[in-house]
Amino acid sequence: MRQGILGVTIAAALATGVVLATVLAGCQPQSPVSEPAESWAPTGAGARVPSEGPLFDGEWVSFEEAQRRMPFRIQQPAYVPGEATVSRVQATRSDRLAESQGVALIYSNGLMVTQGVGSPPDAQLFEWVKETPPHMVLDVNGAPAIGHEPGDTQGIGGTVHNPGSVSWWVDGKGYAVIGDMVLKELVRIAESMQ
């Protein structure tokens, strides 16, 4: 029973953005009220991002403005399938402390790349993930990572589609690549970050 609850907990946490919360340490939603469904715009590959308003406690900005706000150089993947380009950028508000800064790059094919100040999770989480398919422990250029294939899961209220994701941590920063692509492709994108 505990293992089943544990698996559902990890799946829900990773699939619904807890990884983003870890990556973008200190970021909290601006409002407990979600935007109406019609304000969410498809970006390709089955992914959707808000057409108005931020994904987290941040703002839609230009890439240059996001870079100005970050206490680190924003990395972009050298490889993105289908020659997709960055279509939207979101950065934490400029009044946030440096240790809670993060950015999300939304690509025209639905891929989302996030990065921010953050440390790897406790080693226990990695042990937990090893025993909780479909999530798995991975390696991204020698860094510890957690990933999963895209797919549907049963949740409260019905079936929920979760994009695939890879999250990893290097030198005090956390990264995530999220999209409706097979895990092998997401790892390839992650390993091309520069």
Protein backbone atom coordinates (compact mmCIF):
# COMPACT_ATOMS: atom_id res chain seq x y z
CA MET A 1 0.00 0.00 0.00
CA ARG A 2 2.77 2.43 0.98
CA GLN A 3 4.61 1.76 -2.28
CA GLY A 4 1.45 2.44 -4.31
CA ILE A 5 0.78 5.72 -2.53
CA LEU A 6 4.44 6.62 -2.84
CA GLY A 7 4.39 5.96 -6.59
CA VAL A 8 1.29 8.07 -7.12
CA THR A 9 2.79 10.84 -5.01
CA ILE A 10 6.03 10.93 -6.99
CA ALA A 11 4.24 10.68 -10.33
CA ALA A 12 1.88 13.50 -9.45
CA ALA A 13 4.65 15.67 -8.04
CA LEU A 14 6.96 15.34 -11.01
CA ALA A 15 4.21 15.46 -13.61
CA THR A 16 2.47 18.53 -12.26
CA GLY A 17 5.46 20.75 -11.84
CA VAL A 18 6.93 20.11 -8.42
CA VAL A 19 10.20 19.68 -10.28
CA LEU A 20 9.70 23.20 -11.62
CA ALA A 21 9.10 24.44 -8.10
CA THR A 22 12.37 22.82 -7.04
CA VAL A 23 14.20 24.17 -10.05
CA LEU A 24 12.73 27.61 -9.56
CA ALA A 25 13.32 27.59 -5.81
CA GLY A 26 11.18 29.99 -3.89
CA CYS A 27 8.70 30.64 -6.70
CA GLN A 28 5.06 30.40 -5.66
CA PRO A 29 1.97 30.76 -7.84
CA GLN A 30 0.66 34.31 -7.93
CA SER A 31 -2.88 33.20 -7.27
CA PRO A 32 -4.56 30.00 -6.13
CA VAL A 33 -7.09 30.49 -8.92
CA SER A 34 -6.15 28.94 -12.26
CA GLU A 35 -6.71 30.79 -15.47
CA PRO A 36 -9.79 29.75 -17.44
CA ALA A 37 -9.09 26.93 -19.90
CA GLU A 38 -9.75 29.18 -22.88
CA SER A 39 -6.80 31.40 -21.89
CA TRP A 40 -4.39 28.50 -22.41
CA ALA A 41 -2.84 28.40 -25.87
CA PRO A 42 -1.45 25.28 -27.58
CA THR A 43 2.24 25.55 -28.45
CA GLY A 44 2.63 22.37 -30.46
CA ALA A 45 3.41 18.74 -29.60
CA GLY A 46 0.32 18.65 -27.38
CA ALA A 47 1.76 21.03 -24.79
CA ARG A 48 -0.08 24.12 -23.62
CA VAL A 49 1.11 27.29 -21.92
CA PRO A 50 -0.92 30.24 -20.67
CA SER A 51 -1.58 32.76 -23.42
CA GLU A 52 -1.70 35.46 -20.75
CA GLY A 53 -0.13 35.49 -17.32
CA PRO A 54 2.90 33.67 -15.96
CA LEU A 55 3.59 29.99 -15.33
CA PHE A 56 4.97 30.77 -11.87
CA ASP A 57 5.66 33.89 -9.83
CA GLY A 58 7.21 35.67 -12.78
CA GLU A 59 6.58 37.69 -15.87
CA TRP A 60 6.67 37.17 -19.63
CA VAL A 61 9.75 39.09 -20.79
CA SER A 62 12.23 39.23 -23.67
CA PHE A 63 15.18 36.86 -23.60
CA GLU A 64 17.47 39.84 -23.05
CA GLU A 65 15.43 41.02 -20.04
CA ALA A 66 15.41 37.48 -18.60
CA GLN A 67 19.19 37.29 -18.96
CA ARG A 68 19.59 40.67 -17.28
CA ARG A 69 17.60 39.41 -14.26
CA MET A 70 19.40 36.08 -13.84
CA PRO A 71 22.49 35.72 -11.63
CA PHE A 72 23.69 33.08 -14.12
CA ARG A 73 24.04 32.75 -17.89
CA ILE A 74 20.85 31.29 -19.39
CA GLN A 75 21.68 28.10 -21.27
CA GLN A 76 19.86 26.97 -24.39
CA PRO A 77 19.93 23.55 -26.02
CA ALA A 78 22.11 23.30 -29.13
CA TYR A 79 19.75 20.57 -30.34
CA VAL A 80 15.99 21.12 -30.57
CA PRO A 81 13.91 18.84 -32.83
CA GLY A 82 12.17 20.35 -35.81
CA GLU A 83 14.25 23.53 -35.76
CA ALA A 84 11.93 24.98 -33.13
CA THR A 85 12.68 28.43 -31.79
CA VAL A 86 12.02 30.16 -28.48
CA SER A 87 8.55 31.70 -28.72
CA ARG A 88 8.09 32.95 -25.14
CA VAL A 89 10.30 33.58 -22.13
CA GLN A 90 9.30 33.91 -18.53
CA ALA A 91 11.52 35.08 -15.70
CA THR A 92 10.99 35.49 -12.00
CA ARG A 93 10.19 39.04 -11.00
CA SER A 94 13.17 41.38 -10.71
CA ASP A 95 12.43 41.96 -7.00
CA ARG A 96 13.12 38.28 -6.15
CA LEU A 97 16.31 37.43 -4.32
CA ALA A 98 19.18 36.07 -6.44
CA GLU A 99 18.88 32.65 -4.76
CA SER A 100 15.32 32.25 -6.04
CA GLN A 101 15.76 33.35 -9.65
CA GLY A 102 14.61 31.17 -12.53
CA VAL A 103 13.59 31.27 -16.16
CA ALA A 104 11.38 29.21 -18.49
CA LEU A 105 11.97 29.11 -22.25
CA ILE A 106 8.91 28.01 -24.25
CA TYR A 107 9.69 26.71 -27.74
CA SER A 108 7.45 26.79 -30.81
CA ASN A 109 7.17 22.96 -30.78
CA GLY A 110 5.87 22.86 -27.18
CA LEU A 111 9.21 22.10 -25.55
CA MET A 112 9.82 23.92 -22.27
CA VAL A 113 13.30 24.39 -20.82
CA THR A 114 13.56 25.71 -17.27
CA GLN A 115 16.58 26.63 -15.21
CA GLY A 116 17.13 28.34 -11.94
CA VAL A 117 19.07 28.49 -8.74
CA GLY A 118 18.59 25.20 -6.91
CA SER A 119 20.30 22.23 -5.34
CA PRO A 120 19.66 18.56 -6.08
CA PRO A 121 16.96 16.91 -4.01
CA ASP A 122 17.84 14.67 -1.11
CA ALA A 123 19.47 11.35 -2.06
CA GLN A 124 16.37 9.59 -0.67
CA LEU A 125 14.30 10.95 -3.55
CA PHE A 126 16.63 9.29 -6.06
CA GLU A 127 16.30 5.98 -4.18
CA TRP A 128 12.53 6.43 -4.12
CA VAL A 129 12.41 7.11 -7.86
CA LYS A 130 14.37 3.91 -8.61
CA GLU A 131 11.48 1.92 -7.14
CA THR A 132 8.68 3.98 -8.70
CA PRO A 133 8.18 3.44 -12.44
CA PRO A 134 7.64 5.12 -14.82
CA HIS A 135 10.05 7.63 -13.26
CA MET A 136 13.71 6.71 -13.36
CA VAL A 137 17.09 7.95 -12.28
CA LEU A 138 19.19 9.14 -15.22
CA ASP A 139 22.46 10.82 -15.97
CA VAL A 140 22.79 14.06 -17.96
CA ASN A 141 26.43 14.67 -18.83
CA GLY A 142 27.48 13.10 -15.52
CA ALA A 143 24.90 14.98 -13.39
CA PRO A 144 22.16 13.23 -11.39
CA ALA A 145 18.80 13.40 -13.15
CA ILE A 146 15.21 12.19 -12.89
CA GLY A 147 13.11 11.51 -15.97
CA HIS A 148 10.00 9.88 -17.35
CA GLU A 149 8.38 9.15 -20.70
CA PRO A 150 5.24 11.07 -21.69
CA GLY A 151 1.99 9.27 -21.03
CA ASP A 152 -1.43 9.22 -19.47
CA THR A 153 -2.03 8.63 -15.78
CA GLN A 154 -5.18 8.22 -13.77
CA GLY A 155 -5.72 11.13 -11.45
CA ILE A 156 -8.50 12.61 -9.44
CA GLY A 157 -11.19 13.49 -11.96
CA GLY A 158 -9.98 11.22 -14.74
CA THR A 159 -7.10 10.65 -17.09
CA VAL A 160 -4.34 13.24 -17.20
CA HIS A 161 -1.76 13.51 -19.97
CA ASN A 162 1.76 14.21 -18.71
CA PRO A 163 4.54 15.32 -21.02
CA GLY A 164 7.90 13.62 -20.65
CA SER A 165 10.56 15.33 -18.58
CA VAL A 166 14.19 15.27 -17.56
CA SER A 167 15.36 17.25 -14.51
CA TRP A 168 18.96 17.55 -13.39
CA TRP A 169 21.19 19.65 -11.14
CA VAL A 170 24.68 21.08 -11.72
CA ASP A 171 26.76 23.68 -9.85
CA GLY A 172 23.92 25.08 -7.74
CA LYS A 173 21.44 25.27 -10.60
CA GLY A 174 18.51 23.06 -11.50
CA TYR A 175 17.39 22.38 -15.06
CA ALA A 176 14.37 20.70 -16.64
CA VAL A 177 13.43 19.81 -20.21
CA ILE A 178 9.72 19.07 -20.59
CA GLY A 179 7.83 18.06 -23.72
CA ASP A 180 5.68 15.50 -25.48
CA MET A 181 8.71 13.60 -26.75
CA VAL A 182 10.23 10.24 -25.96
CA LEU A 183 12.65 10.28 -23.06
CA LYS A 184 15.64 9.52 -25.29
CA GLU A 185 14.93 12.71 -27.27
CA LEU A 186 14.51 14.78 -24.09
CA VAL A 187 17.86 13.48 -22.77
CA ARG A 188 19.49 14.39 -26.10
CA ILE A 189 18.12 17.95 -25.76
CA ALA A 190 19.27 18.12 -22.12
CA GLU A 191 22.77 16.92 -22.98
CA SER A 192 23.05 19.62 -25.67
CA MET A 193 22.51 22.47 -23.19
CA GLN A 194 25.24 25.08 -23.44
